[in-house]
Protein backbone atom coordinates (compact mmCIF):
# COMPACT_ATOMS: atom_id res chain seq x y z
CA MET A 1 62.96 91.87 159.69
CA PHE A 2 61.75 95.49 159.63
CA ARG A 3 59.11 95.40 162.39
CA SER A 4 60.66 98.33 164.32
CA PHE A 5 59.83 100.61 161.37
CA SER A 6 56.20 100.53 162.50
CA VAL A 7 57.26 102.97 165.25
CA PHE A 8 57.37 106.63 164.13
CA ASN A 9 60.23 107.57 166.43
CA TYR A 10 62.39 104.72 165.17
CA ARG A 11 61.74 105.60 161.52
CA VAL A 12 62.85 109.19 162.13
CA TRP A 13 65.91 108.04 164.07
CA PHE A 14 66.90 105.51 161.39
CA ILE A 15 66.87 108.08 158.57
CA GLY A 16 68.87 110.64 160.54
CA ALA A 17 71.38 108.02 161.71
CA LEU A 18 71.85 106.67 158.18
CA VAL A 19 72.76 110.09 156.75
CA SER A 20 75.02 110.90 159.69
CA ASN A 21 76.73 107.51 159.52
CA VAL A 22 77.57 108.04 155.84
CA GLY A 23 79.43 111.21 156.83
CA ALA A 24 81.12 109.47 159.76
CA TRP A 25 82.50 106.74 157.49
CA MET A 26 83.66 109.36 154.98
CA GLN A 27 85.56 111.10 157.79
CA ALA A 28 87.06 107.86 159.14
CA THR A 29 88.36 106.97 155.66
CA ALA A 30 89.83 110.44 155.10
CA LEU A 31 91.41 110.49 158.57
CA SER A 32 93.27 107.23 157.96
CA TRP A 33 94.41 108.31 154.49
CA VAL A 34 95.63 111.74 155.67
CA VAL A 35 97.76 110.22 158.44
CA LEU A 36 99.12 107.46 156.20
CA THR A 37 99.93 109.46 153.04
CA GLN A 38 99.90 113.22 153.75
CA LEU A 39 101.26 113.56 157.29
CA THR A 40 103.61 110.53 157.22
CA ASP A 41 105.35 108.36 154.66
CA ASN A 42 103.09 105.29 154.86
CA ASP A 43 103.69 104.98 158.61
CA ALA A 44 101.26 102.33 159.95
CA THR A 45 102.52 102.91 163.49
CA ALA A 46 101.32 106.54 163.32
CA MET A 47 97.92 105.22 162.25
CA GLY A 48 97.92 102.91 165.24
CA ILE A 49 98.67 105.82 167.57
CA THR A 50 95.87 107.86 165.97
CA MET A 51 93.40 105.04 166.54
CA ALA A 52 94.63 104.56 170.11
CA LEU A 53 94.06 108.26 170.90
CA GLN A 54 90.60 108.09 169.34
CA PHE A 55 89.47 105.00 171.25
CA ALA A 56 91.22 105.47 174.60
CA PRO A 57 88.70 107.96 176.15
CA PRO A 58 85.78 105.47 176.26
CA LEU A 59 87.98 103.23 178.39
CA LEU A 60 89.39 106.01 180.56
CA LEU A 61 86.00 107.63 181.19
CA VAL A 62 83.90 104.50 181.61
CA GLY A 63 83.23 105.39 185.25
CA VAL A 64 81.48 108.59 184.15
CA THR A 65 79.94 108.05 180.71
CA GLY A 66 77.60 105.19 181.65
CA TRP A 67 76.38 107.04 184.72
CA VAL A 68 75.68 110.12 182.56
CA ALA A 69 73.72 107.99 180.04
CA ASP A 70 71.53 106.61 182.85
CA ARG A 71 71.20 109.86 184.81
CA PHE A 72 70.32 112.46 182.15
CA ASP A 73 67.86 112.76 179.29
CA ARG A 74 69.56 110.82 176.47
CA ARG A 75 67.85 112.83 173.74
CA LYS A 76 69.22 116.12 175.10
CA LEU A 77 72.61 114.55 175.71
CA LEU A 78 72.77 113.45 172.06
CA PHE A 79 71.99 117.02 170.95
CA VAL A 80 75.16 118.14 172.73
CA THR A 81 77.46 115.33 171.58
CA GLN A 82 76.32 115.37 167.96
CA GLY A 83 76.73 119.15 167.83
CA LEU A 84 80.28 118.92 169.19
CA LEU A 85 81.20 116.23 166.66
CA MET A 86 79.94 118.51 163.88
CA VAL A 87 82.14 121.38 165.12
CA LEU A 88 85.22 119.15 165.29
CA GLY A 89 84.71 118.03 161.69
CA LEU A 90 84.41 121.64 160.53
CA ILE A 91 87.65 122.66 162.28
CA VAL A 92 89.72 119.81 160.80
CA GLY A 93 88.29 120.39 157.32
CA ILE A 94 89.24 124.07 157.46
CA LEU A 95 92.77 123.30 158.72
CA LEU A 96 93.31 120.81 155.88
CA LEU A 97 92.04 123.23 153.24
CA GLN A 98 94.35 125.94 154.63
CA GLY A 99 97.30 123.52 154.46
CA VAL A 100 98.28 123.96 158.12
CA MET A 101 97.43 120.49 159.42
CA THR A 102 100.27 118.66 161.22
CA LEU A 103 100.53 115.21 162.75
CA PRO A 104 100.42 116.48 166.38
CA VAL A 105 97.29 118.52 165.58
CA MET A 106 95.68 115.43 164.02
CA TYR A 107 96.56 113.48 167.16
CA ALA A 108 94.81 116.17 169.22
CA PHE A 109 91.76 115.97 166.94
CA ALA A 110 91.63 112.16 167.30
CA PHE A 111 91.74 112.50 171.09
CA GLY A 112 89.01 115.18 171.08
CA LEU A 113 86.87 113.00 168.83
CA GLY A 114 87.31 110.14 171.28
CA MET A 115 86.38 112.32 174.26
CA VAL A 116 83.05 113.30 172.73
CA ALA A 117 82.37 109.78 171.41
CA ALA A 118 82.93 108.38 174.93
CA PHE A 119 79.73 110.14 176.03
CA ASP A 120 77.91 109.79 172.70
CA ASN A 121 78.24 106.02 172.24
CA PRO A 122 76.55 104.64 175.39
CA ALA A 123 73.80 107.26 175.19
CA ARG A 124 73.17 106.50 171.51
CA GLN A 125 73.19 102.72 172.02
CA ALA A 126 70.82 102.89 175.00
CA PHE A 127 68.57 105.42 173.23
CA VAL A 128 67.77 102.83 170.54
CA SER A 129 66.03 100.74 173.21
CA ASP A 130 64.10 103.83 174.35
CA LEU A 131 62.56 104.21 170.88
CA VAL A 132 60.74 100.83 170.75
CA SER A 133 59.02 98.38 173.06
CA ARG A 134 61.09 95.76 174.85
CA GLU A 135 60.04 92.90 172.56
CA ASN A 136 61.40 94.83 169.55
CA ALA A 137 64.64 95.97 171.20
CA SER A 138 66.81 93.25 169.64
CA ASN A 139 65.34 93.96 166.21
CA ALA A 140 65.93 97.72 166.63
CA VAL A 141 69.57 97.10 167.60
CA ALA A 142 70.10 94.90 164.53
CA LEU A 143 68.46 97.44 162.19
CA ASN A 144 70.63 100.13 163.74
CA ALA A 145 73.64 98.01 162.79
CA ALA A 146 72.18 97.67 159.28
CA SER A 147 72.02 101.48 159.03
CA PHE A 148 75.62 101.71 160.23
CA ASN A 149 76.83 99.20 157.64
CA THR A 150 74.73 100.56 154.80
CA ALA A 151 76.54 103.83 155.46
CA ARG A 152 79.79 101.87 155.51
CA MET A 153 79.07 100.70 151.98
CA ILE A 154 78.53 104.26 150.76
CA GLY A 155 80.78 106.50 152.85
CA PRO A 156 84.30 105.10 152.25
CA ALA A 157 83.80 104.79 148.48
CA VAL A 158 82.45 108.35 148.27
CA ALA A 159 85.33 109.60 150.44
CA GLY A 160 87.89 107.90 148.20
CA PHE A 161 86.55 109.57 145.08
CA VAL A 162 86.21 112.97 146.80
CA ILE A 163 89.82 112.76 148.03
CA VAL A 164 91.05 112.03 144.50
CA ALA A 165 88.85 114.75 142.98
CA VAL A 166 89.09 117.73 145.37
CA GLY A 167 91.15 116.71 148.43
CA THR A 168 90.65 115.42 151.97
CA GLY A 169 89.55 118.72 153.54
CA TRP A 170 86.22 118.64 151.73
CA VAL A 171 85.46 115.18 153.14
CA PHE A 172 85.55 116.55 156.71
CA LEU A 173 83.34 119.49 155.74
CA LEU A 174 80.79 117.17 154.09
CA ASN A 175 80.76 115.04 157.24
CA ALA A 176 79.97 118.12 159.33
CA VAL A 177 76.96 118.84 157.12
CA THR A 178 75.57 115.30 157.57
CA PHE A 179 75.28 115.85 161.33
CA LEU A 180 72.38 118.20 160.59
CA ALA A 181 70.29 115.13 159.68
CA MET A 182 70.79 113.67 163.15
CA LEU A 183 70.02 116.97 164.88
CA VAL A 184 66.80 117.32 162.86
CA SER A 185 65.73 113.74 163.66
CA LEU A 186 66.30 114.32 167.39
CA THR A 187 64.08 117.40 167.11
CA LEU A 188 61.27 115.47 165.36
CA ILE A 189 61.24 112.53 167.80
CA ARG A 190 58.11 112.54 169.99
CA ALA A 191 59.39 112.54 173.55
CA GLY A 192 56.02 111.41 174.92
CA GLU A 193 56.18 108.15 172.93
CA LEU A 194 59.59 107.06 174.24
CA ALA A 195 59.69 103.95 176.42
CA PRO A 196 59.45 104.81 180.13
CA ARG A 197 62.77 104.78 181.94
CA PRO A 198 63.27 103.71 185.55
CA LYS A 199 64.06 106.55 187.93
CA MET A 200 67.74 106.41 188.83
CA ARG A 201 68.48 106.29 192.53
CA SER A 202 70.50 109.21 193.86
CA ALA A 203 73.10 106.80 195.26
CA ALA A 204 73.49 104.90 191.99
CA ARG A 205 77.11 104.44 190.92
CA MET A 206 79.06 102.94 188.05
CA SER A 207 80.16 100.22 190.48
CA ASP A 208 76.55 98.96 190.42
CA GLY A 209 77.06 98.07 186.76
CA LEU A 210 80.38 96.38 187.51
CA ARG A 211 78.82 94.26 190.27
CA TYR A 212 75.91 93.36 188.00
CA VAL A 213 78.24 92.17 185.23
CA GLY A 214 80.36 90.31 187.78
CA ARG A 215 77.32 88.19 188.68
CA ARG A 216 76.66 87.35 185.01
CA PRO A 217 79.17 84.77 183.64
CA ASP A 218 77.55 85.02 180.20
CA LEU A 219 78.23 88.78 180.06
CA LEU A 220 81.80 88.31 181.30
CA VAL A 221 82.49 85.81 178.50
CA THR A 222 80.87 88.14 175.96
CA PHE A 223 83.00 91.07 177.10
CA VAL A 224 86.23 89.02 176.89
CA MET A 225 85.44 87.85 173.34
CA VAL A 226 84.51 91.36 172.22
CA PHE A 227 87.71 92.78 173.74
CA LEU A 228 89.95 90.35 171.84
CA LEU A 229 88.09 90.98 168.59
CA GLY A 230 88.13 94.78 169.01
CA ALA A 231 91.76 94.99 170.13
CA PHE A 232 93.46 92.76 167.58
CA GLY A 233 91.00 91.79 164.86
CA MET A 234 89.06 94.93 163.96
CA ASN A 235 91.91 97.27 162.96
CA PHE A 236 90.52 97.59 159.45
CA PRO A 237 91.81 101.15 158.77
CA ILE A 238 95.37 99.91 159.32
CA LEU A 239 94.98 96.57 157.57
CA ALA A 240 92.88 97.63 154.57
CA SER A 241 94.94 100.77 153.85
CA THR A 242 98.29 98.96 154.03
CA MET A 243 96.95 96.10 151.90
CA ALA A 244 95.66 98.62 149.36
CA ILE A 245 99.13 100.14 149.13
CA GLU A 246 100.68 96.67 148.78
CA PHE A 247 98.36 96.01 145.83
CA GLY A 248 99.34 99.39 144.28
CA GLN A 249 96.00 101.13 144.91
CA GLU A 250 95.28 104.80 145.67
CA ALA A 251 92.71 106.37 148.02
CA ASP A 252 89.79 105.28 145.83
CA GLY A 253 90.99 101.66 145.97
CA TYR A 254 91.17 101.83 149.76
CA GLY A 255 87.67 103.34 149.92
CA VAL A 256 86.29 100.56 147.72
CA LEU A 257 87.78 97.94 150.06
CA SER A 258 85.97 99.52 153.01
CA SER A 259 82.71 99.55 151.08
CA ILE A 260 83.09 95.92 150.03
CA LEU A 261 83.72 94.98 153.66
CA ALA A 262 80.39 96.65 154.43
CA ILE A 263 78.51 94.41 151.96
CA GLY A 264 79.10 91.43 154.23
CA SER A 265 78.50 93.60 157.29
CA LEU A 266 75.08 94.65 156.03
CA ALA A 267 74.13 91.04 155.28
CA GLY A 268 75.11 90.05 158.83
CA ALA A 269 73.08 92.88 160.33
CA LEU A 270 69.94 92.06 158.33
CA LEU A 271 70.12 88.38 159.22
CA ALA A 272 70.45 89.37 162.87
CA ALA A 273 67.31 91.50 162.49
CA ARG A 274 65.35 88.43 161.37
CA ARG A 275 66.05 86.55 164.60
CA ASP A 276 63.55 86.80 167.43
CA ARG A 277 66.27 87.40 169.99
CA ALA A 278 70.03 87.57 170.33
CA GLN A 279 71.72 84.31 171.34
CA MET A 280 75.16 83.64 172.77
CA ARG A 281 75.79 80.76 170.40
CA MET A 282 75.63 83.19 167.46
CA VAL A 283 78.26 85.38 169.12
CA ILE A 284 80.56 82.37 169.52
CA GLY A 285 79.90 81.09 166.00
CA GLY A 286 80.42 84.53 164.49
CA ILE A 287 83.82 85.01 166.09
CA GLY A 288 84.89 81.55 164.93
CA LEU A 289 83.90 82.46 161.37
CA PHE A 290 85.88 85.70 161.68
CA ALA A 291 89.03 83.77 162.63
CA VAL A 292 88.73 81.58 159.52
CA ALA A 293 87.74 84.36 157.06
CA SER A 294 90.45 86.70 158.30
CA ALA A 295 93.14 84.03 157.95
CA VAL A 296 91.99 83.24 154.40
CA SER A 297 92.09 86.95 153.44
CA ALA A 298 95.75 87.17 154.50
CA PHE A 299 96.75 84.71 151.73
CA MET A 300 94.85 86.34 148.86
CA PRO A 301 97.36 87.04 146.04
CA VAL A 302 95.53 89.82 144.18
CA TYR A 303 93.38 92.85 145.03
CA ALA A 304 90.11 91.40 143.68
CA LEU A 305 90.35 88.17 145.69
CA TYR A 306 91.27 90.06 148.83
CA ALA A 307 88.18 92.21 148.32
CA VAL A 308 85.98 89.09 148.02
CA ALA A 309 87.43 87.69 151.24
CA LEU A 310 86.57 90.93 153.03
CA VAL A 311 82.86 90.28 152.38
CA PHE A 312 83.05 87.24 154.68
CA VAL A 313 85.19 89.12 157.20
CA GLY A 314 82.55 91.87 157.37
CA PHE A 315 79.72 89.35 157.69
CA ALA A 316 81.42 87.58 160.60
CA THR A 317 82.33 90.82 162.37
CA VAL A 318 78.83 92.29 162.34
CA THR A 319 77.15 88.98 163.16
CA THR A 320 79.32 88.83 166.29
CA LEU A 321 79.02 92.45 167.37
CA THR A 322 75.32 92.98 166.54
CA THR A 323 74.32 89.80 168.36
CA ALA A 324 76.54 90.67 171.33
CA ASN A 325 75.11 94.19 171.52
CA GLY A 326 71.54 92.90 171.29
CA TYR A 327 72.20 90.23 173.91
CA VAL A 328 73.63 92.78 176.34
CA GLN A 329 70.75 95.22 175.83
CA THR A 330 67.89 92.73 176.01
CA THR A 331 69.17 90.77 179.01
CA THR A 332 70.27 93.70 181.19
CA ASP A 333 68.18 95.34 183.91
CA PRO A 334 66.80 98.57 182.35
CA ALA A 335 67.88 100.58 185.41
CA LEU A 336 71.50 99.59 184.71
CA ARG A 337 71.43 99.47 180.91
CA GLY A 338 73.39 102.69 180.32
CA ARG A 339 76.18 101.70 182.69
CA VAL A 340 76.44 98.15 181.36
CA LEU A 341 76.48 99.44 177.76
CA ALA A 342 79.19 101.95 178.73
CA LEU A 343 81.26 99.01 179.97
CA TYR A 344 80.53 97.11 176.75
CA MET A 345 81.54 100.05 174.54
CA ALA A 346 84.61 100.76 176.67
CA ILE A 347 85.76 97.17 176.28
CA LEU A 348 84.99 97.08 172.55
CA MET A 349 86.54 100.46 171.71
CA GLY A 350 89.00 100.57 174.59
CA GLY A 351 90.74 97.49 173.27
CA THR A 352 91.90 99.53 170.27
CA PRO A 353 94.50 101.58 172.22
CA VAL A 354 96.00 98.26 173.28
CA GLY A 355 95.86 96.46 169.96
CA ALA A 356 96.15 99.16 167.27
CA PRO A 357 99.76 100.19 168.00
CA ILE A 358 100.77 96.51 168.17
CA VAL A 359 99.02 95.71 164.89
CA GLY A 360 100.47 98.86 163.27
CA TRP A 361 103.97 97.88 164.40
CA ALA A 362 103.45 94.33 163.09
CA ALA A 363 102.32 95.71 159.72
CA ASP A 364 105.45 97.90 159.53
CA ALA A 365 107.86 95.20 160.70
CA PHE A 366 106.48 92.05 159.05
CA GLY A 367 103.94 93.30 156.50
CA PRO A 368 100.13 93.65 156.59
CA ARG A 369 99.52 89.95 155.98
CA ALA A 370 101.29 89.02 159.22
CA ALA A 371 99.23 91.64 161.07
CA ILE A 372 96.02 90.12 159.68
CA LEU A 373 97.08 86.64 160.82
CA PHE A 374 97.83 88.02 164.28
CA GLY A 375 94.24 89.26 164.54
CA SER A 376 92.96 85.91 163.29
CA VAL A 377 94.82 84.09 166.06
CA ALA A 378 93.34 86.47 168.67
CA ALA A 379 89.84 85.71 167.33
CA LEU A 380 90.58 81.99 167.51
CA VAL A 381 91.52 82.39 171.19
CA ALA A 382 88.24 84.28 171.77
CA PHE A 383 86.31 81.46 170.09
CA GLY A 384 88.06 78.94 172.36
CA ILE A 385 87.02 80.92 175.44
CA GLY A 386 83.41 81.11 174.29
CA PHE A 387 83.22 77.46 173.32
CA THR A 388 84.73 76.40 176.65
CA TRP A 389 82.07 78.42 178.48
CA LEU A 390 79.39 76.81 176.30
CA LEU A 391 80.58 73.36 177.41
CA ALA A 392 80.99 74.34 181.07
CA SER A 393 77.51 75.93 181.20
CA GLY A 394 75.89 72.64 180.18
CA ARG A 395 74.15 74.11 177.12
CA LEU A 396 75.98 71.80 174.70
CA HIS A 397 75.17 68.17 175.36
CA ARG A 398 74.37 64.88 173.65
CA THR A 399 70.83 64.37 172.39
CA ALA A 400 69.01 61.76 174.45
CA SER A 401 67.28 60.14 171.47
CA ARG A 402 70.35 59.89 169.20
CA ARG A 403 73.72 58.61 170.37
CA PHE A 404 76.08 60.75 168.27
CA SER A 405 73.97 63.90 167.93
CA LEU A 406 74.72 67.09 169.88
CA THR A 407 72.30 69.87 170.71
CA ILE A 408 72.66 73.38 172.11
CA ASP A 409 70.02 74.51 174.55
CA GLU A 410 68.28 77.78 173.82
CA THR A 411 70.08 80.75 175.36
CA ARG A 412 67.18 82.79 176.63
CA PRO A 413 67.25 86.46 177.60
CA ILE A 414 66.87 87.11 181.31
CA SER A 415 63.47 88.42 182.30
CA VAL A 416 63.71 91.75 184.11
CA VAL A 417 61.21 93.85 186.01
CA ALA A 418 59.39 96.27 183.73
CA PRO A 419 60.67 99.87 183.99
CA GLU A 420 57.38 101.21 185.28
CA GLU A 421 57.56 98.87 188.29
CA PHE A 422 60.57 100.80 189.60
CA SER A 423 58.62 104.05 189.94
CA ASP A 424 57.93 105.66 193.29
CA GLU A 425 54.23 105.88 192.40
CA VAL A 426 53.88 102.12 191.99
CA ALA A 427 55.91 101.46 195.13
CA SER A 428 53.74 103.78 197.23
CA THR A 429 50.38 102.49 195.96
CA THR A 430 50.99 98.74 195.82
CA PRO A 431 49.20 97.05 198.75
CA ILE A 432 51.23 94.80 201.03
CA ARG A 433 49.54 91.53 201.98
CA LEU A 434 49.57 90.97 205.73
CA PRO A 435 49.73 87.51 207.39
CA GLY A 436 46.30 85.89 207.38
CA ASP A 437 45.06 87.85 204.34
CA ARG A 438 43.43 85.70 201.69
CA LEU A 439 45.10 85.62 198.32
CA PRO A 440 43.05 87.30 195.59
CA VAL A 441 41.58 85.06 192.94
CA ALA A 442 43.20 85.69 189.56
CA PRO A 443 40.79 86.54 186.70
CA ALA A 444 40.29 83.96 184.00
CA ASP A 445 41.64 86.30 181.32
CA PRO A 446 44.26 89.04 181.70
CA GLN A 447 42.70 92.46 182.13
CA PRO A 448 44.12 95.73 180.78
CA GLY A 449 46.63 97.18 183.23
CA ASP A 450 47.36 93.86 184.97
CA ARG A 451 51.02 93.11 185.54
CA ALA A 452 52.35 89.81 184.30
CA ALA A 453 53.83 87.34 186.74
CA PRO A 454 57.61 87.31 186.70
CA ASP A 455 59.28 84.81 184.41
CA ARG A 456 61.34 82.39 186.49
CA SER A 457 63.38 81.20 183.53
CA THR A 458 67.12 81.00 184.09
CA ARG A 459 69.92 82.05 181.88
């Protein structure tokens, strides 16, 4: 489960990311509560607009952000984006403490946060694969999700108590301080031990990533399922905050709900880390579980039972997203990984500007329970799409030895050419066999430095 911790660079990254993620979840909780209770009178639609402004830039800038993540040094790029996020948190914290924050200014902050995150997210996701060897990439992605959700257990609860004790402004200032942990970890990472990256061709474009995904039906299905889940099912700031108010809770009660959601999320991430590789059937199963758990949570009559239901909602959400992220990373050509991940993040986060205002309006017009059920139906549609693809692909079929037994074939990651084989040095020094040349006799045992024969396995 924790095999990536044997790598020094990953250990340093994990610690810095954990501290920074705690601050990020504190800020996300405070942002939702400020808009809902201080800048409006429990206006869920305003929350939906705030989320839309925050998550629209990854979709609008997808043609640039993935190319930047593949073209430039990701470590240096993260220095810039993390520093800018720290500055934004400081500015908002000061404005809140001075009592001059307004809803339009908060909208501008949400949009600025989304602009920086549009470049930060694909670089950060791809950088995780740079820290470890390819065989540990799926494990590193899952542990990264575990860090994210461990922080989700701590951050919202801490934010709720800080808001009640000293006010929301201090939450944003504390978040700014936590970014120092990430900046220090990026400084300590040994650049010479990072996984080699393929040299990007000068003519490389974002359209290369689009064409690559277009030739991969499995990735297309994954992206559609993730879009539906992200757009209509994962609006937890709107749903949890409005449900907290319906149950008569204050900011601390809302923060506790977010932390309880993270208990299931952490369990899902750790179970994903135990698996040898990410599999499409887990993505499909996870989104089906989300549809059921979310629908059940909408009918919970009291606060405590709703909180228990959120554990299963969190487990299903992270099982789906962690497995989908790992599948995309481990089955994508390394030369295109940044651009494909930018598309993945744009679809995941870019669905929010579409869904959040609709879900916020539904919560205002029909109540938060109806909004939750709406997201559950969207997840059920996503499950139907995934299951239909599973049948059409031929992976689900009847077992030959037993009449009524079904089996699902293993969904195997696609073998790709190792990054070092893309280098100009290898291309210029590899001999070309001419007609009539005798094939060399392979040694009985692999020798150090030999390249393995390509795996002809299919998806």
